Amino acid sequence: MKKNLTLSIIFMLAVLVNLNAQGNGNEGFIKTAYNAIQNKNYQVAVENYTKAIDKFSGYAPSFYGRGLAYSYLNKYSEAIGDFNKATELDANYHQAYYSLGLCKVKLGTYQAAISDFTKAVDIKKDEPSYYYGRGNANYYLEKYEAAMNDYTRAIEIDPKFGLAYYGRAVAHKMEKRNEAALKDFDKYMQLNGNKDGLASEVQRLINEIQKEKEEN
């Protein structure tokens, strides 16, 4: 499975809060940073979130937003530091735990990523991307049954979650459950086609299964 599938962090930045009521005066920096992320001006976002944090360091979304910007800049260690701070300020910040998991997958610390994805799931049990992220981490650790369980849960929540079918198909293939793999590959193609750039990879894997069936 290609390891870049879930590593583009889903932009889940919290809705901008009216900070005027708190008298912190950083709403301008936060709005500028928020817009900068949307426009892919990630360094500008980092600079403005930093200004907001300098004015008031007790607002978790500022750290979360800067963590996102760092992650888009491939500065995963810095991103992890900010996501950790966000969870210190708000223990229920499930988006921050999820983003921690994604960064740790990118760094190859899969067991630590699973721990963070699990924290996200414990807080928000109906978010399919959290199960999908944990499924990928389990897959990379070759825990294929655990991975399939997570992909299946993601599909139960969102039956149109194409990448979860792809992940489960690959896990099925690794476990020699070829018919189940073919079924999931077919469903993935029905839902996503080549929008993820995976159509040729899916066909290659299908061909491998078909060849194996012919040889047996």
Protein backbone atom coordinates (compact mmCIF):
# COMPACT_ATOMS: atom_id res chain seq x y z
CA MET A 1 0.00 0.00 0.00
CA LYS A 2 1.29 3.45 -0.83
CA LYS A 3 2.14 5.26 2.38
CA ASN A 4 1.07 8.70 1.23
CA LEU A 5 -2.63 7.90 1.09
CA THR A 6 -3.68 9.47 4.36
CA LEU A 7 -0.76 11.72 5.07
CA SER A 8 -2.23 14.83 3.58
CA ILE A 9 -3.79 16.04 6.79
CA ILE A 10 -7.47 16.68 6.46
CA PHE A 11 -8.08 20.37 6.99
CA MET A 12 -10.20 20.19 10.11
CA LEU A 13 -9.36 23.57 11.58
CA ALA A 14 -11.85 24.65 14.20
CA VAL A 15 -14.35 27.32 13.24
CA LEU A 16 -12.93 30.73 14.00
CA VAL A 17 -14.02 31.88 17.43
CA ASN A 18 -14.84 35.49 18.17
CA LEU A 19 -11.89 36.30 20.41
CA ASN A 20 -12.98 39.90 20.87
CA ALA A 21 -15.21 38.70 23.68
CA GLN A 22 -12.14 37.37 25.45
CA GLY A 23 -10.19 40.55 24.90
CA ASN A 24 -7.20 38.72 23.45
CA GLY A 25 -6.91 40.77 20.29
CA ASN A 26 -5.60 37.94 18.10
CA GLU A 27 -8.60 37.42 15.87
CA GLY A 28 -6.86 39.25 13.01
CA PHE A 29 -3.78 37.03 13.16
CA ILE A 30 -5.90 33.88 13.36
CA LYS A 31 -8.09 34.89 10.42
CA THR A 32 -5.02 35.73 8.32
CA ALA A 33 -3.41 32.40 9.25
CA TYR A 34 -6.60 30.48 8.53
CA ASN A 35 -6.92 32.05 5.09
CA ALA A 36 -3.23 31.44 4.42
CA ILE A 37 -3.65 27.70 5.00
CA GLN A 38 -6.62 27.61 2.68
CA ASN A 39 -4.48 29.38 0.05
CA LYS A 40 -1.54 27.03 0.72
CA ASN A 41 0.63 29.87 2.05
CA TYR A 42 1.84 27.72 4.91
CA GLN A 43 4.80 29.82 6.05
CA VAL A 44 2.54 32.86 6.29
CA ALA A 45 0.16 30.75 8.36
CA VAL A 46 2.97 29.72 10.72
CA GLU A 47 4.03 33.33 11.18
CA ASN A 48 0.53 34.56 11.96
CA TYR A 49 -0.37 31.70 14.29
CA THR A 50 2.90 32.40 16.10
CA LYS A 51 1.88 36.05 16.51
CA ALA A 52 -1.50 34.92 17.87
CA ILE A 53 0.20 32.53 20.30
CA ASP A 54 2.60 35.26 21.43
CA LYS A 55 -0.39 37.43 22.35
CA PHE A 56 -2.34 34.63 24.02
CA SER A 57 -0.92 31.16 24.54
CA GLY A 58 -4.02 29.57 26.04
CA TYR A 59 -6.05 29.04 22.85
CA ALA A 60 -5.78 25.46 21.60
CA PRO A 61 -6.88 26.11 17.97
CA SER A 62 -3.93 28.46 17.48
CA PHE A 63 -1.52 25.63 18.23
CA TYR A 64 -3.58 23.21 16.18
CA GLY A 65 -3.60 25.57 13.20
CA ARG A 66 0.14 26.14 13.39
CA GLY A 67 0.63 22.39 13.67
CA LEU A 68 -1.32 21.94 10.45
CA ALA A 69 0.80 24.54 8.71
CA TYR A 70 3.99 22.86 9.91
CA SER A 71 2.70 19.48 8.73
CA TYR A 72 2.05 20.85 5.24
CA LEU A 73 5.64 22.11 5.28
CA ASN A 74 6.78 18.57 6.18
CA LYS A 75 8.03 19.82 9.55
CA TYR A 76 6.52 16.94 11.45
CA SER A 77 8.44 17.32 14.70
CA GLU A 78 7.31 20.93 15.02
CA ALA A 79 3.76 19.91 14.11
CA ILE A 80 3.74 17.21 16.77
CA GLY A 81 4.86 19.72 19.39
CA ASP A 82 1.98 22.03 18.52
CA PHE A 83 -0.61 19.26 18.35
CA ASN A 84 0.54 18.03 21.75
CA LYS A 85 0.14 21.55 23.15
CA ALA A 86 -3.36 21.74 21.68
CA THR A 87 -4.33 18.54 23.50
CA GLU A 88 -2.81 19.84 26.73
CA LEU A 89 -5.06 22.88 26.49
CA ASP A 90 -8.10 20.87 25.38
CA ALA A 91 -8.08 17.18 26.28
CA ASN A 92 -11.05 16.55 23.95
CA TYR A 93 -9.41 17.97 20.85
CA HIS A 94 -9.91 14.85 18.74
CA GLN A 95 -8.73 16.56 15.53
CA ALA A 96 -5.36 17.20 17.19
CA TYR A 97 -5.00 13.56 18.25
CA TYR A 98 -5.86 12.47 14.71
CA SER A 99 -3.30 14.86 13.26
CA LEU A 100 -0.71 13.57 15.72
CA GLY A 101 -1.40 10.09 14.41
CA LEU A 102 -0.94 11.18 10.80
CA CYS A 103 2.38 12.87 11.56
CA LYS A 104 3.65 9.82 13.43
CA VAL A 105 2.69 7.57 10.53
CA LYS A 106 4.71 9.86 8.29
CA LEU A 107 7.66 9.47 10.66
CA GLY A 108 7.23 5.68 10.78
CA THR A 109 6.33 5.51 14.50
CA TYR A 110 3.27 3.41 13.85
CA GLN A 111 2.55 2.13 17.34
CA ALA A 112 2.59 5.67 18.72
CA ALA A 113 0.30 6.69 15.86
CA ILE A 114 -2.16 3.95 16.80
CA SER A 115 -2.28 5.32 20.34
CA ASP A 116 -3.17 8.79 19.04
CA PHE A 117 -5.76 7.51 16.57
CA THR A 118 -7.32 5.51 19.40
CA LYS A 119 -7.59 8.65 21.54
CA ALA A 120 -9.33 10.39 18.65
CA VAL A 121 -11.71 7.45 18.24
CA ASP A 122 -12.46 7.35 21.96
CA ILE A 123 -13.56 10.99 21.84
CA LYS A 124 -15.42 10.89 18.52
CA LYS A 125 -16.52 7.40 17.64
CA ASP A 126 -18.40 8.28 14.45
CA GLU A 127 -15.54 9.78 12.40
CA PRO A 128 -14.56 7.23 9.71
CA SER A 129 -11.21 8.87 8.86
CA TYR A 130 -9.97 8.13 12.40
CA TYR A 131 -10.54 4.41 11.94
CA TYR A 132 -9.02 4.58 8.48
CA GLY A 133 -5.90 6.26 9.83
CA ARG A 134 -5.54 3.66 12.54
CA GLY A 135 -6.18 0.93 10.00
CA ASN A 136 -3.25 2.16 7.92
CA ALA A 137 -0.96 2.24 10.95
CA ASN A 138 -1.97 -1.33 11.79
CA TYR A 139 -1.37 -2.33 8.18
CA TYR A 140 2.17 -0.93 8.21
CA LEU A 141 2.82 -2.98 11.36
CA GLU A 142 1.53 -6.03 9.44
CA LYS A 143 -1.40 -6.34 11.83
CA TYR A 144 -3.73 -7.16 8.99
CA GLU A 145 -6.71 -8.38 11.02
CA ALA A 146 -6.67 -5.24 13.15
CA ALA A 147 -6.33 -3.16 10.00
CA MET A 148 -9.31 -4.88 8.38
CA ASN A 149 -11.40 -4.30 11.50
CA ASP A 150 -10.65 -0.59 11.35
CA TYR A 151 -11.33 -0.32 7.63
CA THR A 152 -14.59 -2.19 8.11
CA ARG A 153 -15.65 0.17 10.89
CA ALA A 154 -14.88 3.15 8.66
CA ILE A 155 -17.05 1.62 5.92
CA GLU A 156 -19.87 0.93 8.37
CA ILE A 157 -19.91 4.61 9.29
CA ASP A 158 -19.50 5.82 5.72
CA PRO A 159 -20.32 3.20 3.06
CA LYS A 160 -18.96 5.55 0.37
CA PHE A 161 -15.49 5.84 1.92
CA GLY A 162 -13.62 4.52 -1.10
CA LEU A 163 -10.11 4.47 0.37
CA ALA A 164 -11.28 2.26 3.21
CA TYR A 165 -12.32 -0.35 0.63
CA TYR A 166 -8.91 -0.03 -0.98
CA GLY A 167 -7.11 -0.47 2.33
CA ARG A 168 -9.24 -3.47 3.26
CA ALA A 169 -8.70 -5.00 -0.18
CA VAL A 170 -4.93 -4.79 0.20
CA ALA A 171 -5.14 -6.29 3.69
CA HIS A 172 -7.33 -9.11 2.35
CA LYS A 173 -4.76 -9.74 -0.36
CA MET A 174 -1.95 -9.96 2.18
CA GLU A 175 -4.00 -12.57 4.05
CA LYS A 176 -4.67 -14.52 0.81
CA ARG A 177 -8.37 -13.73 0.92
CA ASN A 178 -8.38 -13.10 -2.78
CA GLU A 179 -12.11 -13.15 -3.49
CA ALA A 180 -12.76 -10.63 -0.70
CA ALA A 181 -9.89 -8.52 -2.02
CA LEU A 182 -11.32 -8.51 -5.55
CA LYS A 183 -14.73 -7.51 -4.25
CA ASP A 184 -13.28 -4.57 -2.32
CA PHE A 185 -11.07 -3.47 -5.21
CA ASP A 186 -14.15 -3.45 -7.43
CA LYS A 187 -16.09 -1.37 -4.91
CA TYR A 188 -13.21 1.06 -4.58
CA MET A 189 -13.09 1.57 -8.35
CA GLN A 190 -16.84 2.09 -8.46
CA LEU A 191 -16.62 4.79 -5.81
CA ASN A 192 -13.33 6.54 -6.54
CA GLY A 193 -12.16 5.57 -10.01
CA ASN A 194 -8.78 7.22 -10.47
CA LYS A 195 -9.36 10.33 -8.37
CA ASP A 196 -6.69 9.14 -5.91
CA GLY A 197 -4.29 8.18 -8.70
CA LEU A 198 -4.59 4.52 -7.71
CA ALA A 199 -6.38 2.97 -10.68
CA SER A 200 -3.21 1.50 -12.21
CA GLU A 201 -2.07 0.18 -8.84
CA VAL A 202 -5.45 -1.46 -8.26
CA GLN A 203 -5.29 -3.08 -11.68
CA ARG A 204 -1.77 -4.34 -10.96
CA LEU A 205 -2.92 -5.95 -7.72
CA ILE A 206 -5.97 -7.46 -9.41
CA ASN A 207 -3.71 -8.91 -12.11
CA GLU A 208 -1.51 -10.45 -9.42
CA ILE A 209 -4.54 -12.13 -7.87
CA GLN A 210 -5.80 -13.36 -11.23
CA LYS A 211 -2.36 -14.76 -12.10
CA GLU A 212 -2.15 -16.54 -8.78
CA LYS A 213 -5.59 -18.07 -9.35
CA GLU A 214 -4.55 -19.32 -12.80
CA GLU A 215 -1.37 -20.87 -11.44
CA ASN A 216 -3.30 -22.71 -8.77
